[in-house]
Amino acid sequence: MLLKKEVLRFWRVAFQTIAAPVLTAVLYLLIFGHVLSDRVQVYPGVSYVAFLVPGLVMMSMLQNAFANSASSLVQSKIMGNLVFTLLTPLSAWQWFVAYVGAALARGLLVGLGVYVITLFYAPPQAAAPWWILAFALLGAGLMGVLGLLAGLWADKFDQMAVFQNFIVMPMTFLAGVFYSIHSLPSVWQTLSHLNPFFYMIDGFRYGFFGVSDVSPWLSLAIAGGAFVAVSALTLRLLQTGYKLRN
């Protein structure tokens, strides 16, 4: 029931939670694609517009999965209706599945919407569909957990905005959405390899073109390890009632 409540929460305002992010991603595609399409070719035989599509799809999934779980929990804290959920016999695992499951659903819906619209600008490609599915689920799931963690920590929207604007947004934009890290100076390439978001986007892009900046297995291992670590921390905080019961 909590999962259903969380899904209905964003679905009832789908114009804002689904359509608006899709429009934002399409605007990125139109602007960057128009300016750089004739000047940049990252992979042989792959146009710059086609290169942009996987990055924009994954970026949209990551940002919206995070926003869904984080905003829901913070809003419940501020409005004071969190107490009614605390009165239920839900376990920490059930809280986790409900919030992360809804974030996953929103992230995938936004990603699918972006991909469908971009079909008008670039032909569909899927060199390794299972890699696409694996990184889509893992990326949206990780950000859903990270959003839940941020929601537990934050007591008001200003604190959540700090987390989103100074951690999630920069790490997403610096993860190779608009470029290959091989085009960067060596120092920035090294820093990019420390960014877990890079591995999610690079692995996801591998599923489309069959080429990537690093091995998809390495990307899967790092993204999967990050998911397990953040999930373990979040579950522990849920079990102790961190900033929920006091």
C-alpha atoms as a PDB file:
ATOM      1  CA  MET A   1       0.000   0.000   0.000  1.00  0.00           C
ATOM      2  CA  LEU A   2       2.856   2.372   0.710  1.00  0.00           C
ATOM      3  CA  LEU A   3       4.336   1.595  -2.697  1.00  0.00           C
ATOM      4  CA  LYS A   4       0.954   2.268  -4.315  1.00  0.00           C
ATOM      5  CA  LYS A   5       0.662   5.562  -2.417  1.00  0.00           C
ATOM      6  CA  GLU A   6       4.128   6.653  -3.560  1.00  0.00           C
ATOM      7  CA  VAL A   7       3.437   5.766  -7.198  1.00  0.00           C
ATOM      8  CA  LEU A   8       0.087   7.579  -7.175  1.00  0.00           C
ATOM      9  CA  ARG A   9       1.796  10.569  -5.595  1.00  0.00           C
ATOM     10  CA  PHE A  10       3.855  11.309  -8.705  1.00  0.00           C
ATOM     11  CA  TRP A  11       1.391   9.879 -11.219  1.00  0.00           C
ATOM     12  CA  ARG A  12      -1.389  12.283 -10.244  1.00  0.00           C
ATOM     13  CA  VAL A  13       0.845  15.192 -11.228  1.00  0.00           C
ATOM     14  CA  ALA A  14       2.435  13.417 -14.206  1.00  0.00           C
ATOM     15  CA  PHE A  15       2.539  16.631 -16.239  1.00  0.00           C
ATOM     16  CA  GLN A  16       5.021  17.996 -13.716  1.00  0.00           C
ATOM     17  CA  THR A  17       6.854  14.815 -12.711  1.00  0.00           C
ATOM     18  CA  ILE A  18       7.015  13.013 -16.086  1.00  0.00           C
ATOM     19  CA  ALA A  19       6.320  15.433 -18.940  1.00  0.00           C
ATOM     20  CA  ALA A  20       8.431  18.344 -17.648  1.00  0.00           C
ATOM     21  CA  PRO A  21      11.683  16.323 -17.300  1.00  0.00           C
ATOM     22  CA  VAL A  22      11.116  14.833 -20.757  1.00  0.00           C
ATOM     23  CA  LEU A  23      10.780  18.338 -22.225  1.00  0.00           C
ATOM     24  CA  THR A  24      13.974  19.455 -20.449  1.00  0.00           C
ATOM     25  CA  ALA A  25      15.945  16.536 -21.889  1.00  0.00           C
ATOM     26  CA  VAL A  26      14.624  17.204 -25.393  1.00  0.00           C
ATOM     27  CA  LEU A  27      15.693  20.849 -25.116  1.00  0.00           C
ATOM     28  CA  TYR A  28      19.215  19.703 -24.197  1.00  0.00           C
ATOM     29  CA  LEU A  29      19.187  17.462 -27.256  1.00  0.00           C
ATOM     30  CA  LEU A  30      18.016  20.213 -29.579  1.00  0.00           C
ATOM     31  CA  ILE A  31      20.490  22.794 -28.289  1.00  0.00           C
ATOM     32  CA  PHE A  32      23.630  20.674 -28.009  1.00  0.00           C
ATOM     33  CA  GLY A  33      22.751  18.584 -31.046  1.00  0.00           C
ATOM     34  CA  HIS A  34      22.238  21.657 -33.219  1.00  0.00           C
ATOM     35  CA  VAL A  35      25.417  23.394 -32.049  1.00  0.00           C
ATOM     36  CA  LEU A  36      27.812  20.430 -32.047  1.00  0.00           C
ATOM     37  CA  SER A  37      26.355  17.844 -34.426  1.00  0.00           C
ATOM     38  CA  ASP A  38      28.664  18.821 -37.307  1.00  0.00           C
ATOM     39  CA  ARG A  39      31.717  19.456 -35.138  1.00  0.00           C
ATOM     40  CA  VAL A  40      31.962  16.452 -32.809  1.00  0.00           C
ATOM     41  CA  GLN A  41      32.070  12.725 -33.449  1.00  0.00           C
ATOM     42  CA  VAL A  42      32.870  10.656 -30.366  1.00  0.00           C
ATOM     43  CA  TYR A  43      32.585   7.123 -31.735  1.00  0.00           C
ATOM     44  CA  PRO A  44      33.249   6.113 -35.375  1.00  0.00           C
ATOM     45  CA  GLY A  45      30.005   5.899 -37.309  1.00  0.00           C
ATOM     46  CA  VAL A  46      27.935   7.366 -34.444  1.00  0.00           C
ATOM     47  CA  SER A  47      26.554  10.877 -34.854  1.00  0.00           C
ATOM     48  CA  TYR A  48      26.815  13.292 -31.950  1.00  0.00           C
ATOM     49  CA  VAL A  49      23.013  13.429 -31.619  1.00  0.00           C
ATOM     50  CA  ALA A  50      22.877   9.639 -31.342  1.00  0.00           C
ATOM     51  CA  PHE A  51      25.720   9.770 -28.785  1.00  0.00           C
ATOM     52  CA  LEU A  52      23.733  12.249 -26.687  1.00  0.00           C
ATOM     53  CA  VAL A  53      20.591  10.108 -26.464  1.00  0.00           C
ATOM     54  CA  PRO A  54      21.760   7.459 -23.942  1.00  0.00           C
ATOM     55  CA  GLY A  55      23.381  10.094 -21.753  1.00  0.00           C
ATOM     56  CA  LEU A  56      20.251  12.238 -21.651  1.00  0.00           C
ATOM     57  CA  VAL A  57      18.032   9.224 -20.975  1.00  0.00           C
ATOM     58  CA  MET A  58      20.209   8.067 -18.079  1.00  0.00           C
ATOM     59  CA  MET A  59      20.653  11.591 -16.706  1.00  0.00           C
ATOM     60  CA  SER A  60      16.880  12.059 -16.644  1.00  0.00           C
ATOM     61  CA  MET A  61      16.371   8.709 -14.908  1.00  0.00           C
ATOM     62  CA  LEU A  62      19.002   9.453 -12.260  1.00  0.00           C
ATOM     63  CA  GLN A  63      17.758  12.931 -11.411  1.00  0.00           C
ATOM     64  CA  ASN A  64      14.083  12.007 -11.250  1.00  0.00           C
ATOM     65  CA  ALA A  65      14.564   8.802  -9.287  1.00  0.00           C
ATOM     66  CA  PHE A  66      16.501  10.793  -6.690  1.00  0.00           C
ATOM     67  CA  ALA A  67      13.953  13.615  -6.619  1.00  0.00           C
ATOM     68  CA  ASN A  68      11.020  11.258  -6.120  1.00  0.00           C
ATOM     69  CA  SER A  69      12.123   9.482  -2.945  1.00  0.00           C
ATOM     70  CA  ALA A  70      13.866  12.515  -1.443  1.00  0.00           C
ATOM     71  CA  SER A  71      10.994  14.969  -1.955  1.00  0.00           C
ATOM     72  CA  SER A  72       8.358  12.490  -0.791  1.00  0.00           C
ATOM     73  CA  LEU A  73       9.998  11.815   2.562  1.00  0.00           C
ATOM     74  CA  VAL A  74      10.899  15.453   3.227  1.00  0.00           C
ATOM     75  CA  GLN A  75       7.382  16.563   2.312  1.00  0.00           C
ATOM     76  CA  SER A  76       5.918  14.015   4.736  1.00  0.00           C
ATOM     77  CA  LYS A  77       8.189  15.355   7.486  1.00  0.00           C
ATOM     78  CA  ILE A  78       7.229  18.965   6.862  1.00  0.00           C
ATOM     79  CA  MET A  79       3.478  18.318   6.552  1.00  0.00           C
ATOM     80  CA  GLY A  80       3.479  16.097   9.623  1.00  0.00           C
ATOM     81  CA  ASN A  81       1.724  13.128   8.015  1.00  0.00           C
ATOM     82  CA  LEU A  82       4.782  10.884   8.427  1.00  0.00           C
ATOM     83  CA  VAL A  83       3.458   9.889  11.839  1.00  0.00           C
ATOM     84  CA  PHE A  84       0.594   7.959  10.235  1.00  0.00           C
ATOM     85  CA  THR A  85       3.068   5.827   8.288  1.00  0.00           C
ATOM     86  CA  LEU A  86       5.108   5.262  11.452  1.00  0.00           C
ATOM     87  CA  LEU A  87       1.994   3.878  13.174  1.00  0.00           C
ATOM     88  CA  THR A  88       1.763   1.041  10.649  1.00  0.00           C
ATOM     89  CA  PRO A  89       3.566  -2.281  11.265  1.00  0.00           C
ATOM     90  CA  LEU A  90       5.806  -1.769   8.229  1.00  0.00           C
ATOM     91  CA  SER A  91       9.366  -3.048   8.541  1.00  0.00           C
ATOM     92  CA  ALA A  92      12.472  -1.197   7.400  1.00  0.00           C
ATOM     93  CA  TRP A  93      12.629  -3.431   4.334  1.00  0.00           C
ATOM     94  CA  GLN A  94       9.046  -2.565   3.398  1.00  0.00           C
ATOM     95  CA  TRP A  95       9.761   1.159   3.717  1.00  0.00           C
ATOM     96  CA  PHE A  96      12.842   0.660   1.576  1.00  0.00           C
ATOM     97  CA  VAL A  97      11.036  -1.275  -1.161  1.00  0.00           C
ATOM     98  CA  ALA A  98       8.118   1.177  -1.271  1.00  0.00           C
ATOM     99  CA  TYR A  99      10.142   4.380  -1.576  1.00  0.00           C
ATOM    100  CA  VAL A 100      12.845   2.956  -3.841  1.00  0.00           C
ATOM    101  CA  GLY A 101      10.282   1.075  -5.942  1.00  0.00           C
ATOM    102  CA  ALA A 102       8.308   4.249  -6.611  1.00  0.00           C
ATOM    103  CA  ALA A 103      11.518   6.154  -7.430  1.00  0.00           C
ATOM    104  CA  LEU A 104      12.493   3.368  -9.809  1.00  0.00           C
ATOM    105  CA  ALA A 105       9.093   3.540 -11.508  1.00  0.00           C
ATOM    106  CA  ARG A 106       9.290   7.304 -12.001  1.00  0.00           C
ATOM    107  CA  GLY A 107      12.873   7.164 -13.235  1.00  0.00           C
ATOM    108  CA  LEU A 108      12.099   4.466 -15.792  1.00  0.00           C
ATOM    109  CA  LEU A 109       8.959   6.255 -17.002  1.00  0.00           C
ATOM    110  CA  VAL A 110      10.873   9.496 -17.530  1.00  0.00           C
ATOM    111  CA  GLY A 111      13.711   7.638 -19.249  1.00  0.00           C
ATOM    112  CA  LEU A 112      11.284   5.835 -21.548  1.00  0.00           C
ATOM    113  CA  GLY A 113       9.558   9.114 -22.377  1.00  0.00           C
ATOM    114  CA  VAL A 114      12.865  10.774 -23.253  1.00  0.00           C
ATOM    115  CA  TYR A 115      13.909   7.824 -25.413  1.00  0.00           C
ATOM    116  CA  VAL A 116      10.616   7.752 -27.333  1.00  0.00           C
ATOM    117  CA  ILE A 117      10.828  11.466 -28.130  1.00  0.00           C
ATOM    118  CA  THR A 118      14.474  11.195 -29.218  1.00  0.00           C
ATOM    119  CA  LEU A 119      13.522   8.577 -31.811  1.00  0.00           C
ATOM    120  CA  PHE A 120      12.425  11.534 -33.953  1.00  0.00           C
ATOM    121  CA  TYR A 121      16.015  12.825 -33.968  1.00  0.00           C
ATOM    122  CA  ALA A 122      18.189   9.704 -33.997  1.00  0.00           C
ATOM    123  CA  PRO A 123      17.577   6.148 -35.257  1.00  0.00           C
ATOM    124  CA  PRO A 124      17.089   3.506 -32.539  1.00  0.00           C
ATOM    125  CA  GLN A 125      20.166   1.471 -31.658  1.00  0.00           C
ATOM    126  CA  ALA A 126      20.554  -1.414 -29.233  1.00  0.00           C
ATOM    127  CA  ALA A 127      23.798  -3.341 -29.632  1.00  0.00           C
ATOM    128  CA  ALA A 128      23.369  -5.043 -26.229  1.00  0.00           C
ATOM    129  CA  PRO A 129      19.803  -4.664 -24.901  1.00  0.00           C
ATOM    130  CA  TRP A 130      20.465  -6.538 -21.655  1.00  0.00           C
ATOM    131  CA  TRP A 131      23.130  -4.035 -20.698  1.00  0.00           C
ATOM    132  CA  ILE A 132      20.648  -1.231 -21.326  1.00  0.00           C
ATOM    133  CA  LEU A 133      18.102  -2.860 -19.013  1.00  0.00           C
ATOM    134  CA  ALA A 134      20.678  -3.714 -16.338  1.00  0.00           C
ATOM    135  CA  PHE A 135      22.098  -0.201 -16.070  1.00  0.00           C
ATOM    136  CA  ALA A 136      18.662   1.422 -16.291  1.00  0.00           C
ATOM    137  CA  LEU A 137      17.444  -0.605 -13.302  1.00  0.00           C
ATOM    138  CA  LEU A 138      20.686  -0.239 -11.368  1.00  0.00           C
ATOM    139  CA  GLY A 139      21.028   3.490 -12.013  1.00  0.00           C
ATOM    140  CA  ALA A 140      17.449   4.401 -11.129  1.00  0.00           C
ATOM    141  CA  GLY A 141      17.555   2.065  -8.127  1.00  0.00           C
ATOM    142  CA  LEU A 142      20.781   3.566  -6.789  1.00  0.00           C
ATOM    143  CA  MET A 143      19.447   7.097  -7.094  1.00  0.00           C
ATOM    144  CA  GLY A 144      16.178   6.073  -5.471  1.00  0.00           C
ATOM    145  CA  VAL A 145      18.161   4.794  -2.479  1.00  0.00           C
ATOM    146  CA  LEU A 146      20.331   7.910  -2.441  1.00  0.00           C
ATOM    147  CA  GLY A 147      17.177  10.033  -2.492  1.00  0.00           C
ATOM    148  CA  LEU A 148      15.770   8.072   0.439  1.00  0.00           C
ATOM    149  CA  LEU A 149      19.023   8.636   2.316  1.00  0.00           C
ATOM    150  CA  ALA A 150      18.855  12.365   1.587  1.00  0.00           C
ATOM    151  CA  GLY A 151      15.213  12.427   2.695  1.00  0.00           C
ATOM    152  CA  LEU A 152      16.133  10.811   6.010  1.00  0.00           C
ATOM    153  CA  TRP A 153      18.877  13.341   6.612  1.00  0.00           C
ATOM    154  CA  ALA A 154      17.021  16.487   5.503  1.00  0.00           C
ATOM    155  CA  ASP A 155      14.417  18.195   7.670  1.00  0.00           C
ATOM    156  CA  LYS A 156      13.370  20.807   5.132  1.00  0.00           C
ATOM    157  CA  PHE A 157      13.464  21.408   1.397  1.00  0.00           C
ATOM    158  CA  ASP A 158      16.485  23.726   1.667  1.00  0.00           C
ATOM    159  CA  GLN A 159      18.620  20.896   3.023  1.00  0.00           C
ATOM    160  CA  MET A 160      17.415  18.530   0.306  1.00  0.00           C
ATOM    161  CA  ALA A 161      18.235  21.179  -2.315  1.00  0.00           C
ATOM    162  CA  VAL A 162      21.815  21.352  -1.005  1.00  0.00           C
ATOM    163  CA  PHE A 163      22.163  17.612  -1.515  1.00  0.00           C
ATOM    164  CA  GLN A 164      20.656  17.793  -5.006  1.00  0.00           C
ATOM    165  CA  ASN A 165      22.368  20.954  -6.261  1.00  0.00           C
ATOM    166  CA  PHE A 166      25.846  20.364  -4.867  1.00  0.00           C
ATOM    167  CA  ILE A 167      26.161  16.581  -5.154  1.00  0.00           C
ATOM    168  CA  VAL A 168      23.672  15.003  -7.554  1.00  0.00           C
ATOM    169  CA  MET A 169      23.581  17.692 -10.242  1.00  0.00           C
ATOM    170  CA  PRO A 170      27.355  18.264 -10.599  1.00  0.00           C
ATOM    171  CA  MET A 171      28.181  14.541 -10.502  1.00  0.00           C
ATOM    172  CA  THR A 172      25.551  13.887 -13.177  1.00  0.00           C
ATOM    173  CA  PHE A 173      26.696  16.630 -15.548  1.00  0.00           C
ATOM    174  CA  LEU A 174      30.370  15.667 -15.074  1.00  0.00           C
ATOM    175  CA  ALA A 175      29.731  11.985 -15.802  1.00  0.00           C
ATOM    176  CA  GLY A 176      30.108  12.131 -19.573  1.00  0.00           C
ATOM    177  CA  VAL A 177      26.550  12.921 -20.605  1.00  0.00           C
ATOM    178  CA  PHE A 178      27.658  15.399 -23.278  1.00  0.00           C
ATOM    179  CA  TYR A 179      31.174  14.161 -24.028  1.00  0.00           C
ATOM    180  CA  SER A 180      33.596  11.242 -23.827  1.00  0.00           C
ATOM    181  CA  ILE A 181      36.075  11.492 -20.963  1.00  0.00           C
ATOM    182  CA  HIS A 182      38.864  10.685 -23.443  1.00  0.00           C
ATOM    183  CA  SER A 183      38.444  14.229 -24.759  1.00  0.00           C
ATOM    184  CA  LEU A 184      39.401  15.636 -21.338  1.00  0.00           C
ATOM    185  CA  PRO A 185      42.877  16.445 -19.969  1.00  0.00           C
ATOM    186  CA  SER A 186      44.438  13.602 -17.986  1.00  0.00           C
ATOM    187  CA  VAL A 187      43.687  15.213 -14.602  1.00  0.00           C
ATOM    188  CA  TRP A 188      39.967  15.455 -15.367  1.00  0.00           C
ATOM    189  CA  GLN A 189      39.944  11.929 -16.754  1.00  0.00           C
ATOM    190  CA  THR A 190      41.293  10.694 -13.428  1.00  0.00           C
ATOM    191  CA  LEU A 191      38.662  12.645 -11.506  1.00  0.00           C
ATOM    192  CA  SER A 192      35.939  11.289 -13.790  1.00  0.00           C
ATOM    193  CA  HIS A 193      36.959   7.751 -12.882  1.00  0.00           C
ATOM    194  CA  LEU A 194      36.200   8.595  -9.249  1.00  0.00           C
ATOM    195  CA  ASN A 195      32.622   9.529 -10.137  1.00  0.00           C
ATOM    196  CA  PRO A 196      30.251   6.526  -9.827  1.00  0.00           C
ATOM    197  CA  PHE A 197      27.710   8.286 -12.066  1.00  0.00           C
ATOM    198  CA  PHE A 198      30.191   8.060 -14.927  1.00  0.00           C
ATOM    199  CA  TYR A 199      30.124   4.263 -14.808  1.00  0.00           C
ATOM    200  CA  MET A 200      26.323   4.147 -14.903  1.00  0.00           C
ATOM    201  CA  ILE A 201      26.149   6.413 -17.955  1.00  0.00           C
ATOM    202  CA  ASP A 202      29.080   4.764 -19.717  1.00  0.00           C
ATOM    203  CA  GLY A 203      27.714   1.265 -19.162  1.00  0.00           C
ATOM    204  CA  PHE A 204      24.272   2.340 -20.297  1.00  0.00           C
ATOM    205  CA  ARG A 205      25.750   3.860 -23.450  1.00  0.00           C
ATOM    206  CA  TYR A 206      27.603   0.603 -24.142  1.00  0.00           C
ATOM    207  CA  GLY A 207      24.234  -1.123 -24.443  1.00  0.00           C
ATOM    208  CA  PHE A 208      23.340   1.169 -27.341  1.00  0.00           C
ATOM    209  CA  PHE A 209      26.567   1.223 -29.358  1.00  0.00           C
ATOM    210  CA  GLY A 210      28.659  -1.704 -28.138  1.00  0.00           C
ATOM    211  CA  VAL A 211      31.556   0.668 -27.370  1.00  0.00           C
ATOM    212  CA  SER A 212      32.363   2.581 -24.190  1.00  0.00           C
ATOM    213  CA  ASP A 213      35.164   4.422 -22.403  1.00  0.00           C
ATOM    214  CA  VAL A 214      35.681   1.592 -19.868  1.00  0.00           C
ATOM    215  CA  SER A 215      34.650  -2.066 -19.670  1.00  0.00           C
ATOM    216  CA  PRO A 216      30.910  -2.513 -18.986  1.00  0.00           C
ATOM    217  CA  TRP A 217      31.805  -5.198 -16.453  1.00  0.00           C
ATOM    218  CA  LEU A 218      33.872  -2.682 -14.500  1.00  0.00           C
ATOM    219  CA  SER A 219      30.984  -0.209 -14.692  1.00  0.00           C
ATOM    220  CA  LEU A 220      28.570  -2.879 -13.470  1.00  0.00           C
ATOM    221  CA  ALA A 221      30.843  -3.820 -10.564  1.00  0.00           C
ATOM    222  CA  ILE A 222      31.322  -0.227  -9.388  1.00  0.00           C
ATOM    223  CA  ALA A 223      27.676   0.777  -9.798  1.00  0.00           C
ATOM    224  CA  GLY A 224      26.550  -2.445  -8.132  1.00  0.00           C
ATOM    225  CA  GLY A 225      28.986  -1.949  -5.255  1.00  0.00           C
ATOM    226  CA  ALA A 226      27.743   1.602  -4.743  1.00  0.00           C
ATOM    227  CA  PHE A 227      24.149   0.364  -4.718  1.00  0.00           C
ATOM    228  CA  VAL A 228      24.883  -2.278  -2.086  1.00  0.00           C
ATOM    229  CA  ALA A 229      26.837   0.140   0.126  1.00  0.00           C
ATOM    230  CA  VAL A 230      24.243   2.931   0.025  1.00  0.00           C
ATOM    231  CA  SER A 231      21.392   0.436   0.490  1.00  0.00           C
ATOM    232  CA  ALA A 232      23.055  -1.085   3.559  1.00  0.00           C
ATOM    233  CA  LEU A 233      23.536   2.360   5.133  1.00  0.00           C
ATOM    234  CA  THR A 234      19.968   3.458   4.342  1.00  0.00           C
ATOM    235  CA  LEU A 235      18.439   0.246   5.702  1.00  0.00           C
ATOM    236  CA  ARG A 236      20.431   0.649   8.890  1.00  0.00           C
ATOM    237  CA  LEU A 237      19.154   4.200   9.348  1.00  0.00           C
ATOM    238  CA  LEU A 238      15.582   3.059   8.707  1.00  0.00           C
ATOM    239  CA  GLN A 239      15.927   0.300  11.302  1.00  0.00           C
ATOM    240  CA  THR A 240      17.163   2.761  13.926  1.00  0.00           C
ATOM    241  CA  GLY A 241      14.489   5.322  13.046  1.00  0.00           C
ATOM    242  CA  TYR A 242      17.061   8.012  12.237  1.00  0.00           C
ATOM    243  CA  LYS A 243      15.262  11.385  12.153  1.00  0.00           C
ATOM    244  CA  LEU A 244      11.919   9.550  11.901  1.00  0.00           C
ATOM    245  CA  ARG A 245      11.010   8.768  15.493  1.00  0.00           C
ATOM    246  CA  ASN A 246      12.826  11.617  17.164  1.00  0.00           C
END
